[in-house]
């Protein structure tokens, strides 16, 4: 069972607690546990594939959560897909000068 399935939808506190607990058993989830414990103001620039939770936690802080909500949560070379993952988004055809490819769109 995935962590998100063990918690009520949108209950980031529950997922954060389960991820931290799983970190003790499986060290491969520790980077996610660290991300989920980071406050949004501490996490500026922490991960290209993370965003600030919409929920303010009981301690009054907003925490980072993995995934993306919008293209702006991804590196410029990627776009946010329907599953909340940053995926490569090349411009096709390539942008002509002076435009730049941002999130799969040519921007002047």
PDB file of N, CA and C in Angstrom:
ATOM      1  N   UNK A   1       0.840  -1.177   0.000  1.00  0.00           N
ATOM      2  CA  UNK A   1       0.000   0.000   0.000  1.00  0.00           C
ATOM      3  C   UNK A   1       0.884   1.239   0.000  1.00  0.00           C
ATOM      4  N   UNK A   2       0.575   2.167  -0.884  1.00  0.00           N
ATOM      5  CA  UNK A   2       1.321   3.414  -0.931  1.00  0.00           C
ATOM      6  C   UNK A   2       0.909   4.285   0.244  1.00  0.00           C
ATOM      7  N   UNK A   3       1.839   5.148   0.666  1.00  0.00           N
ATOM      8  CA  UNK A   3       1.560   6.017   1.817  1.00  0.00           C
ATOM      9  C   UNK A   3       0.316   6.864   1.605  1.00  0.00           C
ATOM     10  N   UNK A   4       0.163   7.390   0.383  1.00  0.00           N
ATOM     11  CA  UNK A   4      -0.969   8.260   0.114  1.00  0.00           C
ATOM     12  C   UNK A   4      -2.293   7.515   0.278  1.00  0.00           C
ATOM     13  N   UNK A   5      -2.296   6.181   0.058  1.00  0.00           N
ATOM     14  CA  UNK A   5      -3.518   5.391   0.185  1.00  0.00           C
ATOM     15  C   UNK A   5      -3.845   5.103   1.650  1.00  0.00           C
ATOM     16  N   UNK A   6      -2.859   5.171   2.547  1.00  0.00           N
ATOM     17  CA  UNK A   6      -3.083   4.906   3.964  1.00  0.00           C
ATOM     18  C   UNK A   6      -3.640   6.136   4.682  1.00  0.00           C
ATOM     19  N   UNK A   7      -3.561   7.289   4.062  1.00  0.00           N
ATOM     20  CA  UNK A   7      -4.001   8.548   4.668  1.00  0.00           C
ATOM     21  C   UNK A   7      -5.216   9.093   3.919  1.00  0.00           C
ATOM     22  N   UNK A   8      -5.986   9.906   4.583  1.00  0.00           N
ATOM     23  CA  UNK A   8      -7.119  10.572   3.942  1.00  0.00           C
ATOM     24  C   UNK A   8      -6.584  11.502   2.844  1.00  0.00           C
ATOM     25  N   UNK A   9      -7.332  11.662   1.758  1.00  0.00           N
ATOM     26  CA  UNK A   9      -6.889  12.561   0.691  1.00  0.00           C
ATOM     27  C   UNK A   9      -6.581  13.963   1.228  1.00  0.00           C
ATOM     28  N   UNK A  10      -5.411  14.479   0.867  1.00  0.00           N
ATOM     29  CA  UNK A  10      -5.009  15.815   1.297  1.00  0.00           C
ATOM     30  C   UNK A  10      -4.434  15.898   2.694  1.00  0.00           C
ATOM     31  N   UNK A  11      -4.319  14.775   3.409  1.00  0.00           N
ATOM     32  CA  UNK A  11      -3.780  14.788   4.774  1.00  0.00           C
ATOM     33  C   UNK A  11      -2.258  14.681   4.727  1.00  0.00           C
ATOM     34  N   UNK A  12      -1.614  15.811   4.416  1.00  0.00           N
ATOM     35  CA  UNK A  12      -0.154  15.839   4.295  1.00  0.00           C
ATOM     36  C   UNK A  12       0.536  15.529   5.613  1.00  0.00           C
ATOM     37  N   UNK A  13      -0.092  15.881   6.755  1.00  0.00           N
ATOM     38  CA  UNK A  13       0.492  15.555   8.061  1.00  0.00           C
ATOM     39  C   UNK A  13       0.622  14.043   8.223  1.00  0.00           C
ATOM     40  N   UNK A  14      -0.406  13.299   7.825  1.00  0.00           N
ATOM     41  CA  UNK A  14      -0.384  11.841   7.917  1.00  0.00           C
ATOM     42  C   UNK A  14       0.717  11.263   7.031  1.00  0.00           C
ATOM     43  N   UNK A  15       0.792  11.718   5.790  1.00  0.00           N
ATOM     44  CA  UNK A  15       1.813  11.208   4.868  1.00  0.00           C
ATOM     45  C   UNK A  15       3.206  11.547   5.384  1.00  0.00           C
ATOM     46  N   UNK A  16       3.365  12.751   5.937  1.00  0.00           N
ATOM     47  CA  UNK A  16       4.670  13.151   6.478  1.00  0.00           C
ATOM     48  C   UNK A  16       5.074  12.235   7.633  1.00  0.00           C
ATOM     49  N   UNK A  17       4.145  11.939   8.522  1.00  0.00           N
ATOM     50  CA  UNK A  17       4.445  11.067   9.672  1.00  0.00           C
ATOM     51  C   UNK A  17       4.767   9.644   9.220  1.00  0.00           C
ATOM     52  N   UNK A  18       4.009   9.113   8.276  1.00  0.00           N
ATOM     53  CA  UNK A  18       4.281   7.755   7.784  1.00  0.00           C
ATOM     54  C   UNK A  18       5.612   7.682   7.042  1.00  0.00           C
ATOM     55  N   UNK A  19       5.923   8.716   6.269  1.00  0.00           N
ATOM     56  CA  UNK A  19       7.192   8.738   5.548  1.00  0.00           C
ATOM     57  C   UNK A  19       8.353   8.790   6.528  1.00  0.00           C
ATOM     58  N   UNK A  20       8.241   9.589   7.560  1.00  0.00           N
ATOM     59  CA  UNK A  20       9.302   9.664   8.576  1.00  0.00           C
ATOM     60  C   UNK A  20       9.478   8.322   9.270  1.00  0.00           C
ATOM     61  N   UNK A  21       8.378   7.641   9.555  1.00  0.00           N
ATOM     62  CA  UNK A  21       8.446   6.321  10.180  1.00  0.00           C
ATOM     63  C   UNK A  21       9.089   5.315   9.238  1.00  0.00           C
ATOM     64  N   UNK A  22       8.687   5.337   7.968  1.00  0.00           N
ATOM     65  CA  UNK A  22       9.271   4.425   6.981  1.00  0.00           C
ATOM     66  C   UNK A  22      10.768   4.669   6.804  1.00  0.00           C
ATOM     67  N   UNK A  23      11.215   5.888   7.018  1.00  0.00           N
ATOM     68  CA  UNK A  23      12.634   6.220   6.881  1.00  0.00           C
ATOM     69  C   UNK A  23      13.474   5.389   7.845  1.00  0.00           C
ATOM     70  N   UNK A  24      12.913   5.086   9.015  1.00  0.00           N
ATOM     71  CA  UNK A  24      13.639   4.274   9.985  1.00  0.00           C
ATOM     72  C   UNK A  24      13.840   2.848   9.484  1.00  0.00           C
ATOM     73  N   UNK A  25      12.879   2.338   8.698  1.00  0.00           N
ATOM     74  CA  UNK A  25      12.915   0.974   8.195  1.00  0.00           C
ATOM     75  C   UNK A  25      13.618   0.902   6.836  1.00  0.00           C
ATOM     76  N   UNK A  26      13.349   1.881   5.979  1.00  0.00           N
ATOM     77  CA  UNK A  26      13.879   1.882   4.617  1.00  0.00           C
ATOM     78  C   UNK A  26      14.559   3.225   4.337  1.00  0.00           C
ATOM     79  N   UNK A  27      15.877   3.276   4.458  1.00  0.00           N
ATOM     80  CA  UNK A  27      16.595   4.550   4.278  1.00  0.00           C
ATOM     81  C   UNK A  27      16.414   5.193   2.903  1.00  0.00           C
ATOM     82  N   UNK A  28      15.910   4.453   1.905  1.00  0.00           N
ATOM     83  CA  UNK A  28      15.720   5.052   0.582  1.00  0.00           C
ATOM     84  C   UNK A  28      14.616   6.099   0.572  1.00  0.00           C
ATOM     85  N   UNK A  29      13.719   6.092   1.569  1.00  0.00           N
ATOM     86  CA  UNK A  29      12.663   7.102   1.619  1.00  0.00           C
ATOM     87  C   UNK A  29      13.071   8.323   2.445  1.00  0.00           C
ATOM     88  N   UNK A  30      14.258   8.309   3.003  1.00  0.00           N
ATOM     89  CA  UNK A  30      14.694   9.434   3.848  1.00  0.00           C
ATOM     90  C   UNK A  30      14.741  10.772   3.117  1.00  0.00           C
ATOM     91  N   UNK A  31      15.184  10.834   1.841  1.00  0.00           N
ATOM     92  CA  UNK A  31      15.134  12.143   1.170  1.00  0.00           C
ATOM     93  C   UNK A  31      13.716  12.708   1.094  1.00  0.00           C
ATOM     94  N   UNK A  32      12.718  11.842   0.862  1.00  0.00           N
ATOM     95  CA  UNK A  32      11.336  12.321   0.831  1.00  0.00           C
ATOM     96  C   UNK A  32      10.890  12.762   2.222  1.00  0.00           C
ATOM     97  N   UNK A  33      11.291  12.027   3.249  1.00  0.00           N
ATOM     98  CA  UNK A  33      10.940  12.399   4.617  1.00  0.00           C
ATOM     99  C   UNK A  33      11.534  13.766   4.956  1.00  0.00           C
ATOM    100  N   UNK A  34      12.783  13.998   4.576  1.00  0.00           N
ATOM    101  CA  UNK A  34      13.422  15.293   4.819  1.00  0.00           C
ATOM    102  C   UNK A  34      12.670  16.397   4.085  1.00  0.00           C
ATOM    103  N   UNK A  35      12.296  16.151   2.826  1.00  0.00           N
ATOM    104  CA  UNK A  35      11.556  17.140   2.053  1.00  0.00           C
ATOM    105  C   UNK A  35      10.235  17.467   2.735  1.00  0.00           C
ATOM    106  N   UNK A  36       9.499  16.445   3.168  1.00  0.00           N
ATOM    107  CA  UNK A  36       8.189  16.656   3.783  1.00  0.00           C
ATOM    108  C   UNK A  36       8.276  17.364   5.135  1.00  0.00           C
ATOM    109  N   UNK A  37       9.431  17.336   5.787  1.00  0.00           N
ATOM    110  CA  UNK A  37       9.607  18.015   7.078  1.00  0.00           C
ATOM    111  C   UNK A  37      10.131  19.436   6.927  1.00  0.00           C
ATOM    112  N   UNK A  38      10.508  19.804   5.714  1.00  0.00           N
ATOM    113  CA  UNK A  38      11.060  21.132   5.456  1.00  0.00           C
ATOM    114  C   UNK A  38       9.933  22.143   5.298  1.00  0.00           C
ATOM    115  N   UNK A  39      10.050  23.284   6.000  1.00  0.00           N
ATOM    116  CA  UNK A  39       9.048  24.335   5.829  1.00  0.00           C
ATOM    117  C   UNK A  39       9.271  24.992   4.476  1.00  0.00           C
ATOM    118  N   UNK A  40       8.215  25.559   3.935  1.00  0.00           N
ATOM    119  CA  UNK A  40       8.304  26.152   2.600  1.00  0.00           C
ATOM    120  C   UNK A  40       9.349  27.259   2.517  1.00  0.00           C
ATOM    121  N   UNK A  41       9.459  28.089   3.550  1.00  0.00           N
ATOM    122  CA  UNK A  41      10.443  29.163   3.501  1.00  0.00           C
ATOM    123  C   UNK A  41      11.870  28.617   3.586  1.00  0.00           C
ATOM    124  N   UNK A  42      12.077  27.483   4.273  1.00  0.00           N
ATOM    125  CA  UNK A  42      13.398  26.853   4.312  1.00  0.00           C
ATOM    126  C   UNK A  42      13.701  26.144   2.999  1.00  0.00           C
ATOM    127  N   UNK A  43      12.660  25.686   2.309  1.00  0.00           N
ATOM    128  CA  UNK A  43      12.826  24.849   1.133  1.00  0.00           C
ATOM    129  C   UNK A  43      12.955  25.585  -0.173  1.00  0.00           C
ATOM    130  N   UNK A  44      13.034  26.918  -0.152  1.00  0.00           N
ATOM    131  CA  UNK A  44      13.184  27.652  -1.404  1.00  0.00           C
ATOM    132  C   UNK A  44      14.382  27.128  -2.170  1.00  0.00           C
ATOM    133  N   UNK A  45      14.123  26.609  -3.352  1.00  0.00           N
ATOM    134  CA  UNK A  45      15.197  26.083  -4.179  1.00  0.00           C
ATOM    135  C   UNK A  45      15.660  24.696  -3.771  1.00  0.00           C
ATOM    136  N   UNK A  46      14.974  24.054  -2.792  1.00  0.00           N
ATOM    137  CA  UNK A  46      15.404  22.751  -2.310  1.00  0.00           C
ATOM    138  C   UNK A  46      15.259  21.677  -3.368  1.00  0.00           C
ATOM    139  N   UNK A  47      14.141  21.656  -4.061  1.00  0.00           N
ATOM    140  CA  UNK A  47      13.890  20.615  -5.050  1.00  0.00           C
ATOM    141  C   UNK A  47      13.093  21.190  -6.195  1.00  0.00           C
ATOM    142  N   UNK A  48      13.503  20.842  -7.402  1.00  0.00           N
ATOM    143  CA  UNK A  48      12.763  21.312  -8.562  1.00  0.00           C
ATOM    144  C   UNK A  48      11.414  20.605  -8.662  1.00  0.00           C
ATOM    145  N   UNK A  49      11.284  19.427  -8.058  1.00  0.00           N
ATOM    146  CA  UNK A  49      10.043  18.681  -8.157  1.00  0.00           C
ATOM    147  C   UNK A  49       9.311  18.638  -6.821  1.00  0.00           C
ATOM    148  N   UNK A  50       9.152  19.800  -6.226  1.00  0.00           N
ATOM    149  CA  UNK A  50       8.422  19.910  -4.964  1.00  0.00           C
ATOM    150  C   UNK A  50       7.663  21.224  -4.968  1.00  0.00           C
ATOM    151  N   UNK A  51       6.627  21.276  -4.159  1.00  0.00           N
ATOM    152  CA  UNK A  51       5.868  22.511  -4.028  1.00  0.00           C
ATOM    153  C   UNK A  51       5.410  22.656  -2.588  1.00  0.00           C
ATOM    154  N   UNK A  52       4.859  23.782  -2.292  1.00  0.00           N
ATOM    155  CA  UNK A  52       4.396  24.074  -0.943  1.00  0.00           C
ATOM    156  C   UNK A  52       2.998  23.498  -0.763  1.00  0.00           C
ATOM    157  N   UNK A  53       2.783  22.766   0.301  1.00  0.00           N
ATOM    158  CA  UNK A  53       1.472  22.204   0.602  1.00  0.00           C
ATOM    159  C   UNK A  53       0.464  23.325   0.783  1.00  0.00           C
ATOM    160  N   UNK A  54      -0.755  23.090   0.348  1.00  0.00           N
ATOM    161  CA  UNK A  54      -1.819  24.079   0.528  1.00  0.00           C
ATOM    162  C   UNK A  54      -2.301  24.114   1.973  1.00  0.00           C
ATOM    163  N   UNK A  55      -1.891  23.129   2.768  1.00  0.00           N
ATOM    164  CA  UNK A  55      -2.355  22.994   4.142  1.00  0.00           C
ATOM    165  C   UNK A  55      -1.364  23.636   5.112  1.00  0.00           C
ATOM    166  N   UNK A  56      -1.873  24.431   6.029  1.00  0.00           N
ATOM    167  CA  UNK A  56      -1.054  24.940   7.128  1.00  0.00           C
ATOM    168  C   UNK A  56      -1.169  23.909   8.244  1.00  0.00           C
ATOM    169  N   UNK A  57      -0.040  23.408   8.707  1.00  0.00           N
ATOM    170  CA  UNK A  57      -0.028  22.329   9.690  1.00  0.00           C
ATOM    171  C   UNK A  57      -0.316  22.858  11.092  1.00  0.00           C
ATOM    172  N   UNK A  58      -0.487  21.944  12.028  1.00  0.00           N
ATOM    173  CA  UNK A  58      -0.863  22.326  13.395  1.00  0.00           C
ATOM    174  C   UNK A  58       0.158  23.250  14.047  1.00  0.00           C
ATOM    175  N   UNK A  59       1.411  23.211  13.578  1.00  0.00           N
ATOM    176  CA  UNK A  59       2.430  24.093  14.141  1.00  0.00           C
ATOM    177  C   UNK A  59       2.445  25.455  13.452  1.00  0.00           C
ATOM    178  N   UNK A  60       1.491  25.689  12.538  1.00  0.00           N
ATOM    179  CA  UNK A  60       1.400  26.973  11.860  1.00  0.00           C
ATOM    180  C   UNK A  60       2.299  27.106  10.643  1.00  0.00           C
ATOM    181  N   UNK A  61       3.000  26.051  10.269  1.00  0.00           N
ATOM    182  CA  UNK A  61       3.931  26.084   9.139  1.00  0.00           C
ATOM    183  C   UNK A  61       3.348  25.363   7.931  1.00  0.00           C
ATOM    184  N   UNK A  62       3.732  25.825   6.750  1.00  0.00           N
ATOM    185  CA  UNK A  62       3.451  25.075   5.533  1.00  0.00           C
ATOM    186  C   UNK A  62       4.695  24.266   5.206  1.00  0.00           C
ATOM    187  N   UNK A  63       4.522  23.040   4.795  1.00  0.00           N
ATOM    188  CA  UNK A  63       5.631  22.141   4.500  1.00  0.00           C
ATOM    189  C   UNK A  63       5.697  21.855   3.006  1.00  0.00           C
ATOM    190  N   UNK A  64       6.870  21.433   2.566  1.00  0.00           N
ATOM    191  CA  UNK A  64       7.072  21.021   1.186  1.00  0.00           C
ATOM    192  C   UNK A  64       6.469  19.636   0.973  1.00  0.00           C
ATOM    193  N   UNK A  65       5.981  19.393  -0.226  1.00  0.00           N
ATOM    194  CA  UNK A  65       5.496  18.078  -0.623  1.00  0.00           C
ATOM    195  C   UNK A  65       6.070  17.771  -2.002  1.00  0.00           C
ATOM    196  N   UNK A  66       6.359  16.496  -2.265  1.00  0.00           N
ATOM    197  CA  UNK A  66       6.922  16.156  -3.568  1.00  0.00           C
ATOM    198  C   UNK A  66       5.893  16.329  -4.680  1.00  0.00           C
ATOM    199  N   UNK A  67       6.387  16.513  -5.868  1.00  0.00           N
ATOM    200  CA  UNK A  67       5.527  16.651  -7.034  1.00  0.00           C
ATOM    201  C   UNK A  67       5.356  18.101  -7.431  1.00  0.00           C
ATOM    202  N   UNK A  68       4.486  18.305  -8.409  1.00  0.00           N
ATOM    203  CA  UNK A  68       4.258  19.662  -8.903  1.00  0.00           C
ATOM    204  C   UNK A  68       2.762  19.901  -9.033  1.00  0.00           C
ATOM    205  N   UNK A  69       2.392  21.142  -8.958  1.00  0.00           N
ATOM    206  CA  UNK A  69       1.012  21.555  -9.200  1.00  0.00           C
ATOM    207  C   UNK A  69       0.897  22.300 -10.518  1.00  0.00           C
ATOM    208  N   UNK A  70       1.985  22.960 -10.898  1.00  0.00           N
ATOM    209  CA  UNK A  70       1.992  23.767 -12.117  1.00  0.00           C
ATOM    210  C   UNK A  70       3.389  23.720 -12.729  1.00  0.00           C
ATOM    211  N   UNK A  71       3.490  24.147 -13.968  1.00  0.00           N
ATOM    212  CA  UNK A  71       4.781  24.150 -14.653  1.00  0.00           C
ATOM    213  C   UNK A  71       5.840  24.925 -13.873  1.00  0.00           C
ATOM    214  N   UNK A  72       5.430  25.969 -13.151  1.00  0.00           N
ATOM    215  CA  UNK A  72       6.383  26.793 -12.406  1.00  0.00           C
ATOM    216  C   UNK A  72       7.089  26.001 -11.297  1.00  0.00           C
ATOM    217  N   UNK A  73       6.528  24.857 -10.878  1.00  0.00           N
ATOM    218  CA  UNK A  73       7.162  24.014  -9.856  1.00  0.00           C
ATOM    219  C   UNK A  73       8.275  23.142 -10.444  1.00  0.00           C
ATOM    220  N   UNK A  74       8.422  23.164 -11.762  1.00  0.00           N
ATOM    221  CA  UNK A  74       9.398  22.314 -12.464  1.00  0.00           C
ATOM    222  C   UNK A  74      10.537  23.153 -13.026  1.00  0.00           C
ATOM    223  N   UNK A  75      11.664  22.479 -13.360  1.00  0.00           N
ATOM    224  CA  UNK A  75      12.722  23.199 -14.076  1.00  0.00           C
ATOM    225  C   UNK A  75      12.180  23.710 -15.411  1.00  0.00           C
ATOM    226  N   UNK A  76      12.819  24.708 -15.993  1.00  0.00           N
ATOM    227  CA  UNK A  76      12.349  25.279 -17.257  1.00  0.00           C
ATOM    228  C   UNK A  76      12.303  24.257 -18.387  1.00  0.00           C
ATOM    229  N   UNK A  77      13.093  23.199 -18.288  1.00  0.00           N
ATOM    230  CA  UNK A  77      13.129  22.180 -19.348  1.00  0.00           C
ATOM    231  C   UNK A  77      11.994  21.173 -19.229  1.00  0.00           C
ATOM    232  N   UNK A  78      11.217  21.225 -18.134  1.00  0.00           N
ATOM    233  CA  UNK A  78      10.151  20.262 -17.881  1.00  0.00           C
ATOM    234  C   UNK A  78       8.795  20.959 -17.757  1.00  0.00           C
ATOM    235  N   UNK A  79       7.737  20.136 -17.802  1.00  0.00           N
ATOM    236  CA  UNK A  79       6.376  20.621 -17.559  1.00  0.00           C
ATOM    237  C   UNK A  79       5.715  19.686 -16.552  1.00  0.00           C
ATOM    238  N   UNK A  80       4.726  20.175 -15.851  1.00  0.00           N
ATOM    239  CA  UNK A  80       3.997  19.393 -14.846  1.00  0.00           C
ATOM    240  C   UNK A  80       2.896  18.612 -15.558  1.00  0.00           C
ATOM    241  N   UNK A  81       2.908  17.273 -15.399  1.00  0.00           N
ATOM    242  CA  UNK A  81       1.874  16.465 -16.045  1.00  0.00           C
ATOM    243  C   UNK A  81       0.675  16.267 -15.120  1.00  0.00           C
ATOM    244  N   UNK A  82      -0.330  15.537 -15.584  1.00  0.00           N
ATOM    245  CA  UNK A  82      -1.566  15.340 -14.839  1.00  0.00           C
ATOM    246  C   UNK A  82      -1.355  14.543 -13.556  1.00  0.00           C
ATOM    247  N   UNK A  83      -0.232  13.795 -13.447  1.00  0.00           N
ATOM    248  CA  UNK A  83       0.061  13.010 -12.257  1.00  0.00           C
ATOM    249  C   UNK A  83       0.864  13.790 -11.219  1.00  0.00           C
ATOM    250  N   UNK A  84       1.171  15.057 -11.516  1.00  0.00           N
ATOM    251  CA  UNK A  84       1.952  15.866 -10.584  1.00  0.00           C
ATOM    252  C   UNK A  84       3.426  15.585 -10.644  1.00  0.00           C
ATOM    253  N   UNK A  85       3.908  15.139 -11.810  1.00  0.00           N
ATOM    254  CA  UNK A  85       5.335  14.862 -11.991  1.00  0.00           C
ATOM    255  C   UNK A  85       5.901  15.791 -13.047  1.00  0.00           C
ATOM    256  N   UNK A  86       7.136  16.234 -12.830  1.00  0.00           N
ATOM    257  CA  UNK A  86       7.827  17.038 -13.823  1.00  0.00           C
ATOM    258  C   UNK A  86       8.388  16.103 -14.884  1.00  0.00           C
ATOM    259  N   UNK A  87       8.013  16.348 -16.126  1.00  0.00           N
ATOM    260  CA  UNK A  87       8.472  15.516 -17.238  1.00  0.00           C
ATOM    261  C   UNK A  87       9.123  16.411 -18.290  1.00  0.00           C
ATOM    262  N   UNK A  88      10.110  15.879 -19.040  1.00  0.00           N
ATOM    263  CA  UNK A  88      10.763  16.682 -20.071  1.00  0.00           C
ATOM    264  C   UNK A  88       9.737  17.265 -21.044  1.00  0.00           C
ATOM    265  N   UNK A  89       9.922  18.524 -21.398  1.00  0.00           N
ATOM    266  CA  UNK A  89       8.998  19.216 -22.295  1.00  0.00           C
ATOM    267  C   UNK A  89       9.784  20.030 -23.322  1.00  0.00           C
ATOM    268  N   UNK A  90      10.346  19.351 -24.323  1.00  0.00           N
ATOM    269  CA  UNK A  90      11.084  20.094 -25.345  1.00  0.00           C
ATOM    270  C   UNK A  90      10.131  20.858 -26.252  1.00  0.00           C
ATOM    271  N   UNK A  91      10.589  21.948 -26.788  1.00  0.00           N
ATOM    272  CA  UNK A  91       9.802  22.709 -27.752  1.00  0.00           C
ATOM    273  C   UNK A  91       9.982  22.058 -29.115  1.00  0.00           C
ATOM    274  N   UNK A  92       8.873  21.849 -29.817  1.00  0.00           N
ATOM    275  CA  UNK A  92       8.941  21.243 -31.132  1.00  0.00           C
ATOM    276  C   UNK A  92       8.041  22.023 -32.067  1.00  0.00           C
ATOM    277  N   UNK A  93       8.580  22.651 -33.061  1.00  0.00           N
ATOM    278  CA  UNK A  93       9.999  22.708 -33.415  1.00  0.00           C
ATOM    279  C   UNK A  93      10.760  23.603 -32.445  1.00  0.00           C
ATOM    280  N   UNK A  94      12.087  23.528 -32.506  1.00  0.00           N
ATOM    281  CA  UNK A  94      12.894  24.383 -31.615  1.00  0.00           C
ATOM    282  C   UNK A  94      12.573  25.863 -31.812  1.00  0.00           C
ATOM    283  N   UNK A  95      12.718  26.625 -30.752  1.00  0.00           N
ATOM    284  CA  UNK A  95      12.446  28.065 -30.792  1.00  0.00           C
ATOM    285  C   UNK A  95      13.513  28.782 -31.618  1.00  0.00           C
ATOM    286  N   UNK A  96      13.073  29.758 -32.359  1.00  0.00           N
ATOM    287  CA  UNK A  96      14.014  30.595 -33.096  1.00  0.00           C
ATOM    288  C   UNK A  96      14.465  31.747 -32.228  1.00  0.00           C
ATOM    289  N   UNK A  97      15.630  32.334 -32.536  1.00  0.00           N
ATOM    290  CA  UNK A  97      16.122  33.445 -31.721  1.00  0.00           C
ATOM    291  C   UNK A  97      15.176  34.631 -31.815  1.00  0.00           C
ATOM    292  N   UNK A  98      14.986  35.395 -30.794  1.00  0.00           N
ATOM    293  CA  UNK A  98      15.580  35.330 -29.479  1.00  0.00           C
ATOM    294  C   UNK A  98      14.732  34.558 -28.462  1.00  0.00           C
ATOM    295  N   UNK A  99      13.741  33.799 -28.933  1.00  0.00           N
ATOM    296  CA  UNK A  99      12.843  33.080 -28.011  1.00  0.00           C
ATOM    297  C   UNK A  99      13.586  31.991 -27.251  1.00  0.00           C
ATOM    298  N   UNK A 100      13.048  31.641 -26.076  1.00  0.00           N
ATOM    299  CA  UNK A 100      13.600  30.571 -25.246  1.00  0.00           C
ATOM    300  C   UNK A 100      12.492  29.551 -25.008  1.00  0.00           C
ATOM    301  N   UNK A 101      12.882  28.292 -24.878  1.00  0.00           N
ATOM    302  CA  UNK A 101      11.928  27.226 -24.578  1.00  0.00           C
ATOM    303  C   UNK A 101      11.770  27.121 -23.062  1.00  0.00           C
ATOM    304  N   UNK A 102      10.543  27.376 -22.581  1.00  0.00           N
ATOM    305  CA  UNK A 102      10.245  27.282 -21.147  1.00  0.00           C
ATOM    306  C   UNK A 102       9.022  26.399 -20.975  1.00  0.00           C
ATOM    307  N   UNK A 103       9.190  25.275 -20.314  1.00  0.00           N
ATOM    308  CA  UNK A 103       8.101  24.348 -20.035  1.00  0.00           C
ATOM    309  C   UNK A 103       7.412  23.876 -21.323  1.00  0.00           C
ATOM    310  N   UNK A 104       8.189  23.742 -22.418  1.00  0.00           N
ATOM    311  CA  UNK A 104       7.647  23.250 -23.675  1.00  0.00           C
ATOM    312  C   UNK A 104       6.996  24.295 -24.553  1.00  0.00           C
ATOM    313  N   UNK A 105       7.130  25.562 -24.187  1.00  0.00           N
ATOM    314  CA  UNK A 105       6.526  26.658 -24.937  1.00  0.00           C
ATOM    315  C   UNK A 105       7.599  27.685 -25.280  1.00  0.00           C
ATOM    316  N   UNK A 106       7.619  28.142 -26.522  1.00  0.00           N
ATOM    317  CA  UNK A 106       8.562  29.194 -26.923  1.00  0.00           C
ATOM    318  C   UNK A 106       8.099  30.541 -26.352  1.00  0.00           C
ATOM    319  N   UNK A 107       8.986  31.179 -25.605  1.00  0.00           N
ATOM    320  CA  UNK A 107       8.678  32.453 -24.959  1.00  0.00           C
ATOM    321  C   UNK A 107       9.643  33.500 -25.499  1.00  0.00           C
ATOM    322  N   UNK A 108       9.090  34.638 -25.968  1.00  0.00           N
ATOM    323  CA  UNK A 108       9.994  35.683 -26.523  1.00  0.00           C
ATOM    324  C   UNK A 108      10.901  36.291 -25.483  1.00  0.00           C
TER     325      UNK A 108
END
